[in-house]
Amino acid sequence: MSTSGSNWVLDILGRDSAPAPADWVARLRHQATGEAASLPPPRRKLEAWRYSRVETLLKQQAFNPVVQAPDDSGLETPVALGPHVLVFVDGWFSPGLSRTDELPREIQLGSLRDHLDRASVKQHLGRLANAGENLFTALNTALLNDGLFLEIPDDLVLETPIEVFYLNSASDTPVLAQPRNLVLMGQQAQLTLIEHFLPGQGKDYFHNGITEIHLEAGAQLAHYRMQDEARTAWHLSNLYLEQGGNSHYHGITLSFGGHWARTEYKTRFGAPHARCDLRGLYLVGDGQLSDFHLDVHHDQPGCQSREQFKGLLHSKGRAVFDGRILVERIAQGTDAQLTNDNLLLSREAEVDTKPQLEIYADDVKCSHGTTVGQLDPRQLFYLRTRGIEEQRAIQLLCQGFAGEIIDHIHLPELREQSAERLLKTLDSL
């Protein structure tokens, strides 16, 4: 075990003085504290962390857990696409900045702390996110205080999206924000959920978030995640997904911000004929690192998954992509595709990519592939001969490359916002 990594975790645990919000959560936290203290910290010798430069995080001064809801009086509600808005500051729910008045009464939405007595929360919280398998999951669970709770009943279709904004207070010390989110969707329910991770106002901060998602049979969730943290931020998101039969999860993550950003998806099918679409776009430079890890577990027959991730890397940007699809023997009729494509816009940019297929079934349709390259000089030359300046020609080619991901965003307003955010970043190159 790495002494420095162990001390880093123990130091953080020792700084927490917040009581557990419920007795049963106290037991969950106590168990996770033991796991966090005993698990080996991530290091390069472990395959899952080989290229992630996690040692740079563990060398940071220990971050301070936020033990109570911070003062949000100096903050404003961000501009949203619709009327359903939840805001979290340093991982704590901010009722004053949130708007939920127009939601149907059947929908349960708000602070996780306020819903801990619900049977569904007791049943599902911590069921997918195993604290014994992941140090950062253990750390989040050991300090569990607040986060998003969203429960949609059977057959309810919400036409307007729910938007969640994660803000950071203007703290003078490094802050550890640990939202713990739980999303439960009933049979045939339909919803669009958008998460925005916005730049913080304070010093260095570490966002260590967990989201557990359970879809019942026939449920449909469109889930968009816009990671635009400050360039001094450390960002880690662990998403755990379980799908019922004939359900559909459509997830897209755009990762543009942060100094060090890692997103992990762990998905499994709980019944046949479910579909999971995971897509992502990362744009990194100036010493940034963007890291995506996928673990898609096909253990039911007739399920379909699509994993498509693209990266634009400039300056000294670095990216890691590690995608794995496991098809068990029972999962006959699986249809799975996994691709990762990268454009290097400078000689100093680097990417490590490893798509993997592990198949034990016979009747499957599976493929995977990866590309790493530079802009096609012939395409660039063609645009130049049409009177387009070189910088604008580069932007057009990058927009075309990235547009294949952005075009999968179903909401026109969000799709337009994402395209504008991409162009703004490309303008600064």
Protein backbone atom coordinates (compact mmCIF):
# COMPACT_ATOMS: atom_id res chain seq x y z
CA MET A 1 0.00 0.00 0.00
CA SER A 2 1.19 3.49 -0.81
CA THR A 3 1.82 5.33 2.44
CA SER A 4 1.30 8.74 0.86
CA GLY A 5 -2.02 7.67 -0.69
CA SER A 6 -3.23 6.11 2.56
CA ASN A 7 -2.32 9.19 4.57
CA TRP A 8 -4.11 11.39 2.03
CA VAL A 9 -7.37 9.47 2.49
CA LEU A 10 -7.06 9.21 6.27
CA ASP A 11 -6.33 12.92 6.51
CA ILE A 12 -9.56 13.70 4.65
CA LEU A 13 -11.57 11.29 6.79
CA GLY A 14 -10.13 12.88 9.92
CA ARG A 15 -11.32 16.31 8.85
CA ASP A 16 -15.00 15.32 8.70
CA SER A 17 -17.09 16.34 11.70
CA ALA A 18 -20.57 16.16 10.20
CA PRO A 19 -22.95 13.68 11.86
CA ALA A 20 -24.69 11.18 9.62
CA PRO A 21 -28.11 12.40 8.45
CA ALA A 22 -29.80 9.12 9.55
CA ASP A 23 -28.97 6.10 11.70
CA TRP A 24 -28.97 3.66 8.79
CA VAL A 25 -26.72 6.03 6.84
CA ALA A 26 -24.37 6.11 9.84
CA ARG A 27 -23.96 2.35 9.51
CA LEU A 28 -23.34 2.71 5.77
CA ARG A 29 -20.77 5.41 6.42
CA HIS A 30 -19.04 3.40 9.13
CA GLN A 31 -18.62 0.40 6.85
CA ALA A 32 -17.31 2.58 4.03
CA THR A 33 -14.86 4.28 6.38
CA GLY A 34 -13.31 0.92 7.11
CA GLU A 35 -13.13 0.16 3.39
CA ALA A 36 -11.56 3.54 2.60
CA ALA A 37 -8.93 3.05 5.28
CA SER A 38 -7.99 -0.43 4.09
CA LEU A 39 -8.29 -0.31 0.31
CA PRO A 40 -5.03 0.21 -1.58
CA PRO A 41 -4.96 3.66 -3.13
CA PRO A 42 -4.92 3.89 -6.92
CA ARG A 43 -1.47 3.88 -8.45
CA ARG A 44 0.10 3.31 -11.84
CA LYS A 45 0.82 -0.34 -11.14
CA LEU A 46 -2.94 -0.96 -11.20
CA GLU A 47 -4.22 -1.41 -14.76
CA ALA A 48 -7.23 0.88 -14.26
CA TRP A 49 -4.96 3.77 -13.22
CA ARG A 50 -1.88 3.13 -15.36
CA TYR A 51 -2.19 6.24 -17.51
CA SER A 52 -4.30 8.47 -15.28
CA ARG A 53 -1.58 10.39 -13.41
CA VAL A 54 -3.55 9.85 -10.22
CA GLU A 55 -0.39 10.45 -8.20
CA THR A 56 -0.72 14.15 -9.02
CA LEU A 57 -4.06 14.16 -7.18
CA LEU A 58 -2.72 12.25 -4.19
CA LYS A 59 0.17 14.70 -3.87
CA GLN A 60 -2.24 17.59 -3.38
CA GLN A 61 -2.84 19.03 0.06
CA ALA A 62 -5.77 17.11 1.52
CA PHE A 63 -9.10 18.67 0.60
CA ASN A 64 -11.53 19.79 3.29
CA PRO A 65 -14.90 18.00 3.39
CA VAL A 66 -17.84 20.41 3.48
CA VAL A 67 -19.60 19.48 6.73
CA GLN A 68 -22.65 21.73 6.38
CA ALA A 69 -24.54 23.61 3.71
CA PRO A 70 -22.33 26.53 2.63
CA ASP A 71 -23.38 30.15 2.40
CA ASP A 72 -24.85 30.65 -1.07
CA SER A 73 -26.02 34.25 -0.60
CA GLY A 74 -23.49 35.53 -3.12
CA LEU A 75 -24.58 33.10 -5.83
CA GLU A 76 -27.35 33.31 -8.41
CA THR A 77 -29.46 30.64 -10.06
CA PRO A 78 -27.78 29.77 -13.36
CA VAL A 79 -29.63 30.35 -16.62
CA ALA A 80 -31.52 27.16 -17.47
CA LEU A 81 -33.42 25.82 -20.46
CA GLY A 82 -36.63 25.22 -18.52
CA PRO A 83 -38.43 25.69 -15.19
CA HIS A 84 -37.13 22.59 -13.34
CA VAL A 85 -33.79 23.52 -11.74
CA LEU A 86 -31.81 22.04 -8.87
CA VAL A 87 -28.63 23.71 -7.60
CA PHE A 88 -25.95 22.16 -5.41
CA VAL A 89 -23.18 24.21 -3.82
CA ASP A 90 -20.10 22.27 -2.69
CA GLY A 91 -22.21 19.13 -3.01
CA TRP A 92 -25.05 20.42 -0.79
CA PHE A 93 -28.56 21.16 -2.00
CA SER A 94 -29.43 24.87 -2.23
CA PRO A 95 -33.22 25.32 -1.93
CA GLY A 96 -32.92 29.08 -2.38
CA LEU A 97 -31.29 28.74 -5.79
CA SER A 98 -33.48 25.85 -6.97
CA ARG A 99 -36.86 25.90 -8.73
CA THR A 100 -39.18 22.89 -8.62
CA ASP A 101 -42.64 24.47 -8.23
CA GLU A 102 -43.87 23.45 -11.68
CA LEU A 103 -43.00 19.77 -11.39
CA PRO A 104 -45.84 17.22 -11.32
CA ARG A 105 -46.60 16.21 -7.75
CA GLU A 106 -45.95 12.56 -8.53
CA ILE A 107 -42.24 13.25 -9.09
CA GLN A 108 -39.94 13.16 -6.07
CA LEU A 109 -37.08 15.60 -6.63
CA GLY A 110 -34.75 17.39 -4.27
CA SER A 111 -32.18 16.82 -1.56
CA LEU A 112 -31.22 13.24 -0.81
CA ARG A 113 -31.07 14.17 2.91
CA ASP A 114 -34.78 14.98 2.84
CA HIS A 115 -35.76 11.59 1.41
CA LEU A 116 -33.72 9.16 3.51
CA ASP A 117 -36.84 7.72 5.17
CA ARG A 118 -38.26 6.52 1.84
CA ALA A 119 -38.23 2.76 1.37
CA SER A 120 -36.91 3.14 -2.18
CA VAL A 121 -33.88 5.08 -0.94
CA LYS A 122 -33.10 2.48 1.71
CA GLN A 123 -33.42 -0.23 -0.92
CA HIS A 124 -31.22 1.31 -3.62
CA LEU A 125 -28.70 3.68 -2.02
CA GLY A 126 -25.33 1.96 -2.08
CA ARG A 127 -26.66 -1.15 -3.82
CA LEU A 128 -24.89 -0.51 -7.14
CA ALA A 129 -21.97 1.57 -5.86
CA ASN A 130 -19.87 -0.94 -3.92
CA ALA A 131 -17.57 0.89 -1.51
CA GLY A 132 -15.38 -2.19 -1.23
CA GLU A 133 -14.30 -2.05 -4.88
CA ASN A 134 -13.29 1.57 -5.38
CA LEU A 135 -11.39 3.87 -3.04
CA PHE A 136 -13.13 7.02 -4.22
CA THR A 137 -16.54 5.37 -3.98
CA ALA A 138 -15.63 4.39 -0.43
CA LEU A 139 -14.53 7.95 0.33
CA ASN A 140 -17.79 9.37 -1.01
CA THR A 141 -19.86 6.87 1.00
CA ALA A 142 -17.84 7.38 4.18
CA LEU A 143 -18.64 11.10 4.07
CA LEU A 144 -22.15 10.78 2.62
CA ASN A 145 -24.27 13.81 3.47
CA ASP A 146 -26.29 15.12 0.55
CA GLY A 147 -26.96 14.92 -3.16
CA LEU A 148 -29.70 14.61 -5.73
CA PHE A 149 -32.72 12.37 -5.28
CA LEU A 150 -35.02 11.83 -8.24
CA GLU A 151 -37.81 9.26 -8.44
CA ILE A 152 -40.24 9.02 -11.35
CA PRO A 153 -43.33 6.80 -10.99
CA ASP A 154 -44.55 4.29 -13.56
CA ASP A 155 -45.86 5.63 -16.89
CA LEU A 156 -45.03 9.28 -16.19
CA VAL A 157 -43.57 11.16 -19.16
CA LEU A 158 -41.97 14.53 -18.39
CA GLU A 159 -41.61 16.59 -21.57
CA THR A 160 -39.41 19.36 -20.14
CA PRO A 161 -35.90 18.55 -18.87
CA ILE A 162 -34.72 18.59 -15.28
CA GLU A 163 -31.46 20.52 -14.94
CA VAL A 164 -28.96 20.12 -12.12
CA PHE A 165 -26.17 22.66 -11.57
CA TYR A 166 -23.10 22.01 -9.43
CA LEU A 167 -21.50 25.21 -8.13
CA ASN A 168 -18.59 25.83 -5.81
CA SER A 169 -18.37 28.48 -3.11
CA ALA A 170 -15.63 31.07 -2.91
CA SER A 171 -13.66 29.13 -0.32
CA ASP A 172 -10.11 30.12 0.59
CA THR A 173 -9.13 26.49 1.23
CA PRO A 174 -9.21 23.43 -1.05
CA VAL A 175 -12.73 21.97 -0.86
CA LEU A 176 -13.94 18.41 -1.29
CA ALA A 177 -17.45 18.32 -2.82
CA GLN A 178 -19.07 14.88 -2.72
CA PRO A 179 -22.62 14.84 -4.08
CA ARG A 180 -24.30 11.46 -3.83
CA ASN A 181 -27.06 11.10 -6.41
CA LEU A 182 -29.81 8.51 -6.72
CA VAL A 183 -32.08 8.33 -9.79
CA LEU A 184 -34.97 5.84 -9.86
CA MET A 185 -37.31 5.52 -12.84
CA GLY A 186 -40.49 3.47 -12.87
CA GLN A 187 -41.81 1.29 -15.66
CA GLN A 188 -42.38 3.11 -18.96
CA ALA A 189 -41.33 6.44 -17.41
CA GLN A 190 -39.53 8.96 -19.64
CA LEU A 191 -37.26 11.82 -18.63
CA THR A 192 -34.44 14.09 -19.76
CA LEU A 193 -31.83 14.93 -17.11
CA ILE A 194 -29.09 17.52 -17.69
CA GLU A 195 -26.16 18.01 -15.32
CA HIS A 196 -23.93 21.09 -15.51
CA PHE A 197 -20.59 21.15 -13.69
CA LEU A 198 -19.66 24.84 -13.63
CA PRO A 199 -16.37 26.58 -12.77
CA GLY A 200 -15.77 27.26 -9.09
CA GLN A 201 -14.97 30.62 -7.53
CA GLY A 202 -12.49 29.48 -4.91
CA LYS A 203 -9.12 27.79 -4.89
CA ASP A 204 -8.42 24.22 -5.96
CA TYR A 205 -11.35 21.90 -5.36
CA PHE A 206 -12.05 18.21 -5.83
CA HIS A 207 -15.44 17.03 -7.08
CA ASN A 208 -15.86 13.36 -6.13
CA GLY A 209 -19.40 12.53 -7.21
CA ILE A 210 -21.38 9.29 -7.43
CA THR A 211 -24.62 8.70 -9.32
CA GLU A 212 -26.62 5.48 -9.02
CA ILE A 213 -29.30 5.01 -11.70
CA HIS A 214 -31.94 2.29 -11.78
CA LEU A 215 -34.34 1.99 -14.73
CA GLU A 216 -37.37 -0.27 -14.48
CA ALA A 217 -38.77 -2.11 -17.51
CA GLY A 218 -39.44 0.14 -20.48
CA ALA A 219 -38.08 3.30 -18.84
CA GLN A 220 -36.25 5.83 -21.02
CA LEU A 221 -33.66 8.26 -19.68
CA ALA A 222 -31.79 10.83 -21.76
CA HIS A 223 -28.87 11.94 -19.58
CA TYR A 224 -26.59 14.79 -20.64
CA ARG A 225 -23.54 15.80 -18.59
CA MET A 226 -21.70 19.07 -19.31
CA GLN A 227 -18.36 19.05 -17.48
CA ASP A 228 -16.92 22.57 -17.61
CA GLU A 229 -15.08 22.81 -14.30
CA ALA A 230 -12.40 25.41 -13.56
CA ARG A 231 -8.90 24.74 -14.85
CA THR A 232 -7.72 24.29 -11.26
CA ALA A 233 -10.36 21.66 -10.48
CA TRP A 234 -10.04 17.94 -9.94
CA HIS A 235 -13.13 16.11 -11.15
CA LEU A 236 -14.12 12.48 -10.66
CA SER A 237 -17.55 11.08 -11.53
CA ASN A 238 -18.56 7.47 -10.95
CA LEU A 239 -21.82 6.45 -12.60
CA TYR A 240 -23.48 3.14 -11.81
CA LEU A 241 -26.32 2.07 -14.09
CA GLU A 242 -28.76 -0.86 -13.91
CA GLN A 243 -31.41 -1.37 -16.59
CA GLY A 244 -34.62 -3.34 -16.68
CA GLY A 245 -36.00 -5.10 -19.73
CA ASN A 246 -36.67 -2.97 -22.83
CA SER A 247 -35.34 0.13 -21.08
CA HIS A 248 -33.18 2.69 -22.87
CA TYR A 249 -30.39 4.79 -21.38
CA HIS A 250 -29.06 7.51 -23.67
CA GLY A 251 -26.04 9.18 -22.07
CA ILE A 252 -23.69 11.86 -23.40
CA THR A 253 -20.81 13.50 -21.52
CA LEU A 254 -19.00 16.57 -22.84
CA SER A 255 -15.73 17.07 -20.95
CA PHE A 256 -14.11 20.45 -21.61
CA GLY A 257 -12.99 21.65 -18.17
CA GLY A 258 -10.92 20.69 -15.17
CA HIS A 259 -7.21 20.22 -14.65
CA TRP A 260 -7.72 16.48 -14.07
CA ALA A 261 -11.06 14.92 -15.02
CA ARG A 262 -12.06 11.27 -14.92
CA THR A 263 -15.46 9.74 -15.68
CA GLU A 264 -16.29 6.09 -15.00
CA TYR A 265 -19.37 4.25 -16.25
CA LYS A 266 -20.31 0.86 -14.82
CA THR A 267 -23.41 -0.53 -16.51
CA ARG A 268 -25.27 -3.81 -16.30
CA PHE A 269 -28.47 -5.19 -17.78
CA GLY A 270 -30.92 -6.67 -15.31
CA ALA A 271 -33.30 -8.11 -17.92
CA PRO A 272 -33.34 -8.86 -21.67
CA HIS A 273 -33.74 -6.47 -24.60
CA ALA A 274 -32.44 -3.29 -22.96
CA ARG A 275 -30.40 -0.67 -24.81
CA CYS A 276 -27.55 1.49 -23.51
CA ASP A 277 -25.98 4.30 -25.55
CA LEU A 278 -22.88 5.97 -24.10
CA ARG A 279 -21.23 8.80 -25.99
CA GLY A 280 -18.65 11.37 -25.07
CA LEU A 281 -16.57 14.23 -26.40
CA TYR A 282 -13.46 15.56 -24.70
CA LEU A 283 -11.47 18.66 -25.62
CA VAL A 284 -8.25 19.05 -23.66
CA GLY A 285 -5.08 21.13 -23.76
CA ASP A 286 -2.76 23.26 -21.64
CA GLY A 287 -1.73 20.36 -19.42
CA GLN A 288 -5.28 19.07 -18.87
CA LEU A 289 -6.07 15.38 -18.53
CA SER A 290 -9.39 13.83 -19.53
CA ASP A 291 -9.96 10.18 -18.64
CA PHE A 292 -12.92 7.95 -19.55
CA HIS A 293 -13.38 4.40 -18.28
CA LEU A 294 -16.29 2.23 -19.38
CA ASP A 295 -17.32 -1.17 -18.04
CA VAL A 296 -20.38 -2.42 -19.92
CA HIS A 297 -21.55 -5.81 -18.66
CA HIS A 298 -23.84 -7.81 -20.95
CA ASP A 299 -25.32 -10.56 -18.79
CA GLN A 300 -28.79 -10.77 -20.36
CA PRO A 301 -29.83 -11.93 -23.85
CA GLY A 302 -30.84 -9.61 -26.66
CA CYS A 303 -29.39 -6.37 -25.27
CA GLN A 304 -27.75 -3.63 -27.31
CA SER A 305 -25.02 -1.14 -26.43
CA ARG A 306 -23.33 1.65 -28.36
CA GLU A 307 -20.21 3.31 -26.98
CA GLN A 308 -18.80 6.13 -29.08
CA PHE A 309 -16.20 8.59 -27.75
CA LYS A 310 -14.20 11.25 -29.55
CA GLY A 311 -11.34 13.48 -28.45
CA LEU A 312 -9.76 16.73 -29.62
CA LEU A 313 -6.34 17.32 -28.05
CA HIS A 314 -4.21 20.43 -28.38
CA SER A 315 -1.16 21.99 -26.72
CA LYS A 316 0.02 19.58 -23.99
CA GLY A 317 -3.39 18.02 -23.49
CA ARG A 318 -3.61 14.38 -22.54
CA ALA A 319 -6.46 11.88 -22.71
CA VAL A 320 -7.08 8.33 -21.57
CA PHE A 321 -9.80 6.04 -22.88
CA ASP A 322 -10.31 2.57 -21.44
CA GLY A 323 -13.50 0.91 -22.63
CA ARG A 324 -14.47 -2.69 -21.89
CA ILE A 325 -17.47 -4.69 -23.04
CA LEU A 326 -18.01 -8.04 -21.33
CA VAL A 327 -20.47 -10.47 -22.94
CA GLU A 328 -21.37 -13.42 -20.72
CA ARG A 329 -22.29 -16.83 -22.15
CA ILE A 330 -25.95 -16.28 -21.28
CA ALA A 331 -26.07 -13.02 -23.26
CA GLN A 332 -26.88 -14.53 -26.65
CA GLY A 333 -28.06 -12.06 -29.27
CA THR A 334 -25.93 -9.23 -27.90
CA ASP A 335 -25.32 -6.30 -30.27
CA ALA A 336 -22.44 -4.11 -29.06
CA GLN A 337 -20.20 -1.52 -30.71
CA LEU A 338 -17.30 0.38 -29.13
CA THR A 339 -15.27 3.11 -30.86
CA ASN A 340 -12.81 5.77 -29.79
CA ASP A 341 -11.44 8.35 -32.26
CA ASN A 342 -8.92 11.08 -31.50
CA LEU A 343 -7.54 14.10 -33.33
CA LEU A 344 -4.17 15.43 -32.16
CA LEU A 345 -3.90 19.13 -32.98
CA SER A 346 -0.33 19.48 -31.73
CA ARG A 347 2.77 17.32 -31.52
CA GLU A 348 2.79 17.65 -27.73
CA ALA A 349 -0.70 16.16 -27.23
CA GLU A 350 -0.96 12.53 -26.08
CA VAL A 351 -3.67 9.90 -25.86
CA ASP A 352 -3.71 6.36 -24.48
CA THR A 353 -6.64 4.35 -25.80
CA LYS A 354 -7.65 0.77 -25.08
CA PRO A 355 -11.03 -0.51 -26.31
CA GLN A 356 -11.65 -4.11 -25.23
CA LEU A 357 -14.11 -6.89 -26.04
CA GLU A 358 -14.43 -9.97 -23.85
CA ILE A 359 -16.95 -12.38 -25.37
CA TYR A 360 -18.13 -15.76 -24.07
CA ALA A 361 -21.35 -16.05 -26.10
CA ASP A 362 -21.62 -17.48 -29.63
CA ASP A 363 -24.53 -15.62 -31.18
CA VAL A 364 -23.36 -12.00 -30.96
CA LYS A 365 -22.72 -8.99 -33.15
CA CYS A 366 -19.83 -7.07 -31.60
CA SER A 367 -17.13 -4.73 -32.88
CA HIS A 368 -14.58 -2.30 -31.50
CA GLY A 369 -11.98 0.06 -32.88
CA THR A 370 -9.86 3.12 -32.27
CA THR A 371 -8.09 5.78 -34.31
CA VAL A 372 -5.47 8.37 -33.42
CA GLY A 373 -4.42 10.87 -36.05
CA GLN A 374 -4.03 14.44 -37.19
CA LEU A 375 -6.10 16.63 -39.47
CA ASP A 376 -6.09 15.47 -43.07
CA PRO A 377 -3.80 17.89 -44.97
CA ARG A 378 -5.78 17.27 -48.15
CA GLN A 379 -9.00 18.43 -46.53
CA LEU A 380 -7.22 21.42 -45.06
CA PHE A 381 -5.72 22.26 -48.45
CA TYR A 382 -9.11 21.97 -50.14
CA LEU A 383 -10.66 24.48 -47.73
CA ARG A 384 -7.70 26.84 -48.17
CA THR A 385 -8.15 26.77 -51.96
CA ARG A 386 -11.73 27.92 -51.39
CA GLY A 387 -10.48 31.09 -49.74
CA ILE A 388 -10.95 29.95 -46.13
CA GLU A 389 -8.24 31.07 -43.71
CA GLU A 390 -6.20 28.31 -42.10
CA GLN A 391 -7.49 28.84 -38.55
CA ARG A 392 -11.09 28.84 -39.73
CA ALA A 393 -10.45 25.74 -41.84
CA ILE A 394 -9.08 23.92 -38.78
CA GLN A 395 -12.16 24.92 -36.81
CA LEU A 396 -14.50 23.63 -39.51
CA LEU A 397 -12.76 20.26 -39.63
CA CYS A 398 -12.81 19.98 -35.82
CA GLN A 399 -16.48 20.92 -35.73
CA GLY A 400 -17.25 18.23 -38.27
CA PHE A 401 -15.31 15.66 -36.25
CA ALA A 402 -16.97 16.57 -32.94
CA GLY A 403 -20.39 17.16 -34.44
CA GLU A 404 -21.04 13.45 -34.70
CA ILE A 405 -21.29 13.38 -30.89
CA ILE A 406 -23.05 16.72 -30.39
CA ASP A 407 -25.66 15.88 -33.04
CA HIS A 408 -26.88 13.03 -30.81
CA ILE A 409 -28.11 15.58 -28.25
CA HIS A 410 -31.88 15.49 -28.72
CA LEU A 411 -32.66 18.91 -27.24
CA PRO A 412 -32.10 21.63 -29.89
CA GLU A 413 -31.26 24.34 -27.33
CA LEU A 414 -28.69 22.17 -25.55
CA ARG A 415 -27.26 20.98 -28.85
CA GLU A 416 -26.79 24.61 -29.93
CA GLN A 417 -25.21 25.56 -26.60
CA SER A 418 -22.78 22.66 -26.87
CA ALA A 419 -21.77 23.60 -30.41
CA GLU A 420 -21.20 27.20 -29.32
CA ARG A 421 -19.10 26.07 -26.35
CA LEU A 422 -16.98 23.93 -28.66
CA LEU A 423 -16.47 26.82 -31.10
CA LYS A 424 -15.53 29.19 -28.27
CA THR A 425 -12.79 26.80 -27.16
CA LEU A 426 -11.56 26.29 -30.71
CA ASP A 427 -11.38 30.08 -31.16
CA SER A 428 -8.84 30.25 -28.33
CA LEU A 429 -6.44 27.73 -29.88
